[in-house]
PDB file of all heavy atoms in Angstrom:
ATOM      1  N   GLY A   1      91.298  83.392  99.071  1.00  0.00           N
ATOM      2  CA  GLY A   1      92.643  83.959  99.119  1.00  0.00           C
ATOM      3  C   GLY A   1      93.590  83.208  98.205  1.00  0.00           C
ATOM      4  O   GLY A   1      94.364  83.813  97.451  1.00  0.00           O
ATOM      5  N   VAL A   2      93.545  81.878  98.251  1.00  0.00           N
ATOM      6  CA  VAL A   2      94.416  81.065  97.398  1.00  0.00           C
ATOM      7  C   VAL A   2      94.120  81.330  95.923  1.00  0.00           C
ATOM      8  O   VAL A   2      95.033  81.471  95.106  1.00  0.00           O
ATOM      9  CB  VAL A   2      94.239  79.562  97.723  1.00  0.00           C
ATOM     10  CG1 VAL A   2      94.993  78.700  96.715  1.00  0.00           C
ATOM     11  CG2 VAL A   2      94.721  79.270  99.141  1.00  0.00           C
ATOM     12  N   ALA A   3      92.813  81.412  95.585  1.00  0.00           N
ATOM     13  CA  ALA A   3      92.428  81.634  94.188  1.00  0.00           C
ATOM     14  C   ALA A   3      93.003  82.946  93.659  1.00  0.00           C
ATOM     15  O   ALA A   3      93.562  82.998  92.555  1.00  0.00           O
ATOM     16  CB  ALA A   3      90.904  81.626  94.061  1.00  0.00           C
ATOM     17  N   TYR A   4      92.872  84.010  94.437  1.00  0.00           N
ATOM     18  CA  TYR A   4      93.390  85.313  93.992  1.00  0.00           C
ATOM     19  C   TYR A   4      94.919  85.354  94.036  1.00  0.00           C
ATOM     20  O   TYR A   4      95.550  86.082  93.265  1.00  0.00           O
ATOM     21  CB  TYR A   4      92.802  86.439  94.840  1.00  0.00           C
ATOM     22  CG  TYR A   4      91.415  86.842  94.397  1.00  0.00           C
ATOM     23  CD1 TYR A   4      90.287  86.403  95.064  1.00  0.00           C
ATOM     24  CD2 TYR A   4      91.234  87.664  93.280  1.00  0.00           C
ATOM     25  CE1 TYR A   4      89.007  86.768  94.649  1.00  0.00           C
ATOM     26  CE2 TYR A   4      89.971  88.031  92.851  1.00  0.00           C
ATOM     27  CZ  TYR A   4      88.860  87.583  93.540  1.00  0.00           C
ATOM     28  OH  TYR A   4      87.599  87.938  93.118  1.00  0.00           O
ATOM     29  N   LEU A   5      95.520  84.572  94.922  1.00  0.00           N
ATOM     30  CA  LEU A   5      96.980  84.558  95.010  1.00  0.00           C
ATOM     31  C   LEU A   5      97.605  83.913  93.779  1.00  0.00           C
ATOM     32  O   LEU A   5      98.592  84.405  93.234  1.00  0.00           O
ATOM     33  CB  LEU A   5      97.408  83.805  96.278  1.00  0.00           C
ATOM     34  CG  LEU A   5      98.901  83.728  96.549  1.00  0.00           C
ATOM     35  CD1 LEU A   5      99.459  85.113  96.852  1.00  0.00           C
ATOM     36  CD2 LEU A   5      99.192  82.780  97.710  1.00  0.00           C
ATOM     37  N   ILE A   6      97.005  82.794  93.312  1.00  0.00           N
ATOM     38  CA  ILE A   6      97.607  82.070  92.187  1.00  0.00           C
ATOM     39  C   ILE A   6      96.898  82.332  90.866  1.00  0.00           C
ATOM     40  O   ILE A   6      97.331  81.857  89.823  1.00  0.00           O
ATOM     41  CB  ILE A   6      97.637  80.552  92.473  1.00  0.00           C
ATOM     42  CG1 ILE A   6      96.218  79.973  92.557  1.00  0.00           C
ATOM     43  CG2 ILE A   6      98.402  80.257  93.744  1.00  0.00           C
ATOM     44  CD1 ILE A   6      96.183  78.460  92.780  1.00  0.00           C
ATOM     45  N   GLY A   7      95.758  83.085  90.921  1.00  0.00           N
ATOM     46  CA  GLY A   7      95.038  83.392  89.685  1.00  0.00           C
ATOM     47  C   GLY A   7      94.282  82.214  89.136  1.00  0.00           C
ATOM     48  O   GLY A   7      94.280  81.972  87.918  1.00  0.00           O
ATOM     49  N   GLU A   8      93.618  81.449  89.995  1.00  0.00           N
ATOM     50  CA  GLU A   8      92.840  80.291  89.559  1.00  0.00           C
ATOM     51  C   GLU A   8      91.352  80.628  89.609  1.00  0.00           C
ATOM     52  O   GLU A   8      90.764  80.755  90.672  1.00  0.00           O
ATOM     53  CB  GLU A   8      93.137  79.089  90.460  1.00  0.00           C
ATOM     54  CG  GLU A   8      92.520  77.789  89.971  1.00  0.00           C
ATOM     55  CD  GLU A   8      92.997  76.604  90.788  1.00  0.00           C
ATOM     56  OE1 GLU A   8      92.546  76.463  91.942  1.00  0.00           O
ATOM     57  OE2 GLU A   8      93.831  75.825  90.282  1.00  0.00           O
ATOM     58  N   GLY A   9      90.754  80.810  88.431  1.00  0.00           N
ATOM     59  CA  GLY A   9      89.335  81.174  88.353  1.00  0.00           C
ATOM     60  C   GLY A   9      89.092  82.659  88.376  1.00  0.00           C
ATOM     61  O   GLY A   9      87.994  83.132  88.086  1.00  0.00           O
ATOM     62  N   VAL A  10      90.116  83.417  88.759  1.00  0.00           N
ATOM     63  CA  VAL A  10      90.054  84.884  88.798  1.00  0.00           C
ATOM     64  C   VAL A  10      91.429  85.411  88.425  1.00  0.00           C
ATOM     65  O   VAL A  10      92.416  84.677  88.447  1.00  0.00           O
ATOM     66  CB  VAL A  10      89.664  85.407  90.203  1.00  0.00           C
ATOM     67  CG1 VAL A  10      88.207  85.146  90.523  1.00  0.00           C
ATOM     68  CG2 VAL A  10      90.562  84.810  91.271  1.00  0.00           C
ATOM     69  N   ALA A  11      91.494  86.698  88.104  1.00  0.00           N
ATOM     70  CA  ALA A  11      92.789  87.306  87.818  1.00  0.00           C
ATOM     71  C   ALA A  11      93.605  87.403  89.108  1.00  0.00           C
ATOM     72  O   ALA A  11      93.052  87.643  90.184  1.00  0.00           O
ATOM     73  CB  ALA A  11      92.595  88.700  87.218  1.00  0.00           C
ATOM     74  N   LYS A  12      94.918  87.204  88.999  1.00  0.00           N
ATOM     75  CA  LYS A  12      95.780  87.342  90.172  1.00  0.00           C
ATOM     76  C   LYS A  12      95.630  88.737  90.765  1.00  0.00           C
ATOM     77  O   LYS A  12      95.585  89.733  90.041  1.00  0.00           O
ATOM     78  CB  LYS A  12      97.248  87.129  89.793  1.00  0.00           C
ATOM     79  CG  LYS A  12      97.688  85.703  89.703  1.00  0.00           C
ATOM     80  CD  LYS A  12      99.209  85.648  89.489  1.00  0.00           C
ATOM     81  CE  LYS A  12      99.696  84.212  89.377  1.00  0.00           C
ATOM     82  NZ  LYS A  12     101.152  84.146  89.218  1.00  0.00           N
ATOM     83  N   ASP A  13      95.531  88.788  92.081  1.00  0.00           N
ATOM     84  CA  ASP A  13      95.400  90.088  92.742  1.00  0.00           C
ATOM     85  C   ASP A  13      95.881  89.912  94.183  1.00  0.00           C
ATOM     86  O   ASP A  13      95.153  89.408  95.038  1.00  0.00           O
ATOM     87  CB  ASP A  13      93.950  90.573  92.703  1.00  0.00           C
ATOM     88  CG  ASP A  13      93.806  92.031  93.132  1.00  0.00           C
ATOM     89  OD1 ASP A  13      94.504  92.431  94.083  1.00  0.00           O
ATOM     90  OD2 ASP A  13      92.975  92.748  92.535  1.00  0.00           O
ATOM     91  N   LEU A  14      97.120  90.326  94.443  1.00  0.00           N
ATOM     92  CA  LEU A  14      97.715  90.128  95.762  1.00  0.00           C
ATOM     93  C   LEU A  14      96.940  90.874  96.845  1.00  0.00           C
ATOM     94  O   LEU A  14      96.764  90.354  97.963  1.00  0.00           O
ATOM     95  CB  LEU A  14      99.175  90.587  95.756  1.00  0.00           C
ATOM     96  CG  LEU A  14      99.941  90.400  97.068  1.00  0.00           C
ATOM     97  CD1 LEU A  14     100.010  88.926  97.440  1.00  0.00           C
ATOM     98  CD2 LEU A  14     101.350  90.988  96.951  1.00  0.00           C
ATOM     99  N   LYS A  15      96.440  92.057  96.509  1.00  0.00           N
ATOM    100  CA  LYS A  15      95.708  92.839  97.507  1.00  0.00           C
ATOM    101  C   LYS A  15      94.412  92.135  97.917  1.00  0.00           C
ATOM    102  O   LYS A  15      94.089  92.038  99.109  1.00  0.00           O
ATOM    103  CB  LYS A  15      95.393  94.228  96.952  1.00  0.00           C
ATOM    104  CG  LYS A  15      94.690  95.138  97.955  1.00  0.00           C
ATOM    105  CD  LYS A  15      94.472  96.530  97.387  1.00  0.00           C
ATOM    106  CE  LYS A  15      93.754  97.418  98.407  1.00  0.00           C
ATOM    107  NZ  LYS A  15      93.511  98.770  97.856  1.00  0.00           N
ATOM    108  N   VAL A  16      93.668  91.641  96.924  1.00  0.00           N
ATOM    109  CA  VAL A  16      92.414  90.942  97.224  1.00  0.00           C
ATOM    110  C   VAL A  16      92.714  89.647  97.978  1.00  0.00           C
ATOM    111  O   VAL A  16      92.015  89.290  98.937  1.00  0.00           O
ATOM    112  CB  VAL A  16      91.621  90.658  95.941  1.00  0.00           C
ATOM    113  CG1 VAL A  16      90.371  89.828  96.246  1.00  0.00           C
ATOM    114  CG2 VAL A  16      91.215  91.970  95.267  1.00  0.00           C
ATOM    115  N   ALA A  17      93.750  88.938  97.539  1.00  0.00           N
ATOM    116  CA  ALA A  17      94.138  87.700  98.234  1.00  0.00           C
ATOM    117  C   ALA A  17      94.454  87.994  99.696  1.00  0.00           C
ATOM    118  O   ALA A  17      94.010  87.273 100.601  1.00  0.00           O
ATOM    119  CB  ALA A  17      95.351  87.080  97.553  1.00  0.00           C
ATOM    120  N   THR A  18      95.192  89.078  99.928  1.00  0.00           N
ATOM    121  CA  THR A  18      95.557  89.453 101.299  1.00  0.00           C
ATOM    122  C   THR A  18      94.316  89.730 102.136  1.00  0.00           C
ATOM    123  O   THR A  18      94.233  89.316 103.304  1.00  0.00           O
ATOM    124  CB  THR A  18      96.469  90.695 101.275  1.00  0.00           C
ATOM    125  OG1 THR A  18      97.652  90.390 100.528  1.00  0.00           O
ATOM    126  CG2 THR A  18      96.863  91.107 102.682  1.00  0.00           C
ATOM    127  N   ASN A  19      93.342  90.418 101.544  1.00  0.00           N
ATOM    128  CA  ASN A  19      92.107  90.724 102.285  1.00  0.00           C
ATOM    129  C   ASN A  19      91.364  89.452 102.690  1.00  0.00           C
ATOM    130  O   ASN A  19      90.861  89.343 103.812  1.00  0.00           O
ATOM    131  CB  ASN A  19      91.198  91.613 101.436  1.00  0.00           C
ATOM    132  CG  ASN A  19      91.745  93.022 101.280  1.00  0.00           C
ATOM    133  OD1 ASN A  19      92.575  93.457 102.078  1.00  0.00           O
ATOM    134  ND2 ASN A  19      91.306  93.729 100.255  1.00  0.00           N
ATOM    135  N   TRP A  20      91.286  88.484 101.764  1.00  0.00           N
ATOM    136  CA  TRP A  20      90.602  87.226 102.096  1.00  0.00           C
ATOM    137  C   TRP A  20      91.373  86.451 103.154  1.00  0.00           C
ATOM    138  O   TRP A  20      90.788  85.899 104.091  1.00  0.00           O
ATOM    139  CB  TRP A  20      90.416  86.375 100.841  1.00  0.00           C
ATOM    140  CG  TRP A  20      89.248  86.783  99.997  1.00  0.00           C
ATOM    141  CD1 TRP A  20      89.292  87.320  98.744  1.00  0.00           C
ATOM    142  CD2 TRP A  20      87.861  86.691 100.342  1.00  0.00           C
ATOM    143  NE1 TRP A  20      88.022  87.575  98.286  1.00  0.00           N
ATOM    144  CE2 TRP A  20      87.122  87.195  99.244  1.00  0.00           C
ATOM    145  CE3 TRP A  20      87.179  86.242 101.451  1.00  0.00           C
ATOM    146  CZ2 TRP A  20      85.724  87.250  99.234  1.00  0.00           C
ATOM    147  CZ3 TRP A  20      85.790  86.287 101.459  1.00  0.00           C
ATOM    148  CH2 TRP A  20      85.088  86.791 100.367  1.00  0.00           C
ATOM    149  N   PHE A  21      92.699  86.401 102.994  1.00  0.00           N
ATOM    150  CA  PHE A  21      93.502  85.697 104.004  1.00  0.00           C
ATOM    151  C   PHE A  21      93.337  86.356 105.374  1.00  0.00           C
ATOM    152  O   PHE A  21      93.301  85.667 106.397  1.00  0.00           O
ATOM    153  CB  PHE A  21      94.983  85.685 103.600  1.00  0.00           C
ATOM    154  CG  PHE A  21      95.314  84.720 102.500  1.00  0.00           C
ATOM    155  CD1 PHE A  21      96.183  85.075 101.477  1.00  0.00           C
ATOM    156  CD2 PHE A  21      94.782  83.440 102.488  1.00  0.00           C
ATOM    157  CE1 PHE A  21      96.509  84.184 100.465  1.00  0.00           C
ATOM    158  CE2 PHE A  21      95.094  82.532 101.482  1.00  0.00           C
ATOM    159  CZ  PHE A  21      95.958  82.912 100.469  1.00  0.00           C
ATOM    160  N   TYR A  22      93.236  87.684 105.378  1.00  0.00           N
ATOM    161  CA  TYR A  22      93.079  88.398 106.652  1.00  0.00           C
ATOM    162  C   TYR A  22      91.795  87.962 107.361  1.00  0.00           C
ATOM    163  O   TYR A  22      91.788  87.725 108.579  1.00  0.00           O
ATOM    164  CB  TYR A  22      93.064  89.908 106.420  1.00  0.00           C
ATOM    165  CG  TYR A  22      92.861  90.693 107.699  1.00  0.00           C
ATOM    166  CD1 TYR A  22      93.925  90.921 108.568  1.00  0.00           C
ATOM    167  CD2 TYR A  22      91.606  91.164 108.061  1.00  0.00           C
ATOM    168  CE1 TYR A  22      93.747  91.604 109.764  1.00  0.00           C
ATOM    169  CE2 TYR A  22      91.414  91.853 109.256  1.00  0.00           C
ATOM    170  CZ  TYR A  22      92.483  92.067 110.096  1.00  0.00           C
ATOM    171  OH  TYR A  22      92.297  92.737 111.279  1.00  0.00           O
ATOM    172  N   LEU A  23      90.706  87.843 106.598  1.00  0.00           N
ATOM    173  CA  LEU A  23      89.430  87.425 107.214  1.00  0.00           C
ATOM    174  C   LEU A  23      89.566  86.038 107.836  1.00  0.00           C
ATOM    175  O   LEU A  23      89.140  85.803 108.974  1.00  0.00           O
ATOM    176  CB  LEU A  23      88.322  87.410 106.155  1.00  0.00           C
ATOM    177  CG  LEU A  23      87.837  88.780 105.659  1.00  0.00           C
ATOM    178  CD1 LEU A  23      86.858  88.608 104.503  1.00  0.00           C
ATOM    179  CD2 LEU A  23      87.184  89.559 106.788  1.00  0.00           C
ATOM    180  N   ALA A  24      90.144  85.104 107.084  1.00  0.00           N
ATOM    181  CA  ALA A  24      90.282  83.744 107.604  1.00  0.00           C
ATOM    182  C   ALA A  24      91.292  83.686 108.745  1.00  0.00           C
ATOM    183  O   ALA A  24      91.075  82.998 109.750  1.00  0.00           O
ATOM    184  CB  ALA A  24      90.703  82.799 106.478  1.00  0.00           C
ATOM    185  N   ALA A  25      92.389  84.421 108.603  1.00  0.00           N
ATOM    186  CA  ALA A  25      93.420  84.421 109.640  1.00  0.00           C
ATOM    187  C   ALA A  25      92.898  84.999 110.940  1.00  0.00           C
ATOM    188  O   ALA A  25      93.237  84.526 112.029  1.00  0.00           O
ATOM    189  CB  ALA A  25      94.636  85.213 109.162  1.00  0.00           C
ATOM    190  N   SER A  26      92.046  86.021 110.832  1.00  0.00           N
ATOM    191  CA  SER A  26      91.489  86.654 112.023  1.00  0.00           C
ATOM    192  C   SER A  26      90.585  85.712 112.798  1.00  0.00           C
ATOM    193  O   SER A  26      90.306  85.939 113.978  1.00  0.00           O
ATOM    194  CB  SER A  26      90.710  87.916 111.635  1.00  0.00           C
ATOM    195  OG  SER A  26      91.571  88.862 111.046  1.00  0.00           O
ATOM    196  N   HIS A  27      90.092  84.669 112.128  1.00  0.00           N
ATOM    197  CA  HIS A  27      89.257  83.664 112.791  1.00  0.00           C
ATOM    198  C   HIS A  27      90.073  82.431 113.172  1.00  0.00           C
ATOM    199  O   HIS A  27      89.509  81.371 113.464  1.00  0.00           O
ATOM    200  CB  HIS A  27      88.091  83.265 111.892  1.00  0.00           C
ATOM    201  CG  HIS A  27      87.035  84.319 111.774  1.00  0.00           C
ATOM    202  ND1 HIS A  27      87.023  85.260 110.758  1.00  0.00           N
ATOM    203  CD2 HIS A  27      85.966  84.618 112.569  1.00  0.00           C
ATOM    204  CE1 HIS A  27      85.991  86.061 110.923  1.00  0.00           C
ATOM    205  NE2 HIS A  27      85.342  85.708 112.008  1.00  0.00           N
ATOM    206  N   GLY A  28      91.402  82.557 113.146  1.00  0.00           N
ATOM    207  CA  GLY A  28      92.247  81.486 113.640  1.00  0.00           C
ATOM    208  C   GLY A  28      92.648  80.439 112.626  1.00  0.00           C
ATOM    209  O   GLY A  28      93.220  79.406 113.010  1.00  0.00           O
ATOM    210  N   LYS A  29      92.378  80.654 111.339  1.00  0.00           N
ATOM    211  CA  LYS A  29      92.778  79.695 110.322  1.00  0.00           C
ATOM    212  C   LYS A  29      94.292  79.764 110.147  1.00  0.00           C
ATOM    213  O   LYS A  29      94.836  80.729 109.596  1.00  0.00           O
ATOM    214  CB  LYS A  29      92.062  79.996 109.004  1.00  0.00           C
ATOM    215  CG  LYS A  29      92.488  79.139 107.820  1.00  0.00           C
ATOM    216  CD  LYS A  29      91.956  77.736 107.935  1.00  0.00           C
ATOM    217  CE  LYS A  29      92.304  76.931 106.685  1.00  0.00           C
ATOM    218  NZ  LYS A  29      91.906  75.532 106.802  1.00  0.00           N
TER     219      LYS A  29
END
C-alpha cells in the first residue's frame, strides 16, 4: 500500500494502494 501510495518501485496508484491498505487494515493493522 505504501509503495503504490508514494510511487516507490511502482507507478503511483491511489486505488491499488487503497486495496492493499484495506487487506492489511481488515486484519487489524
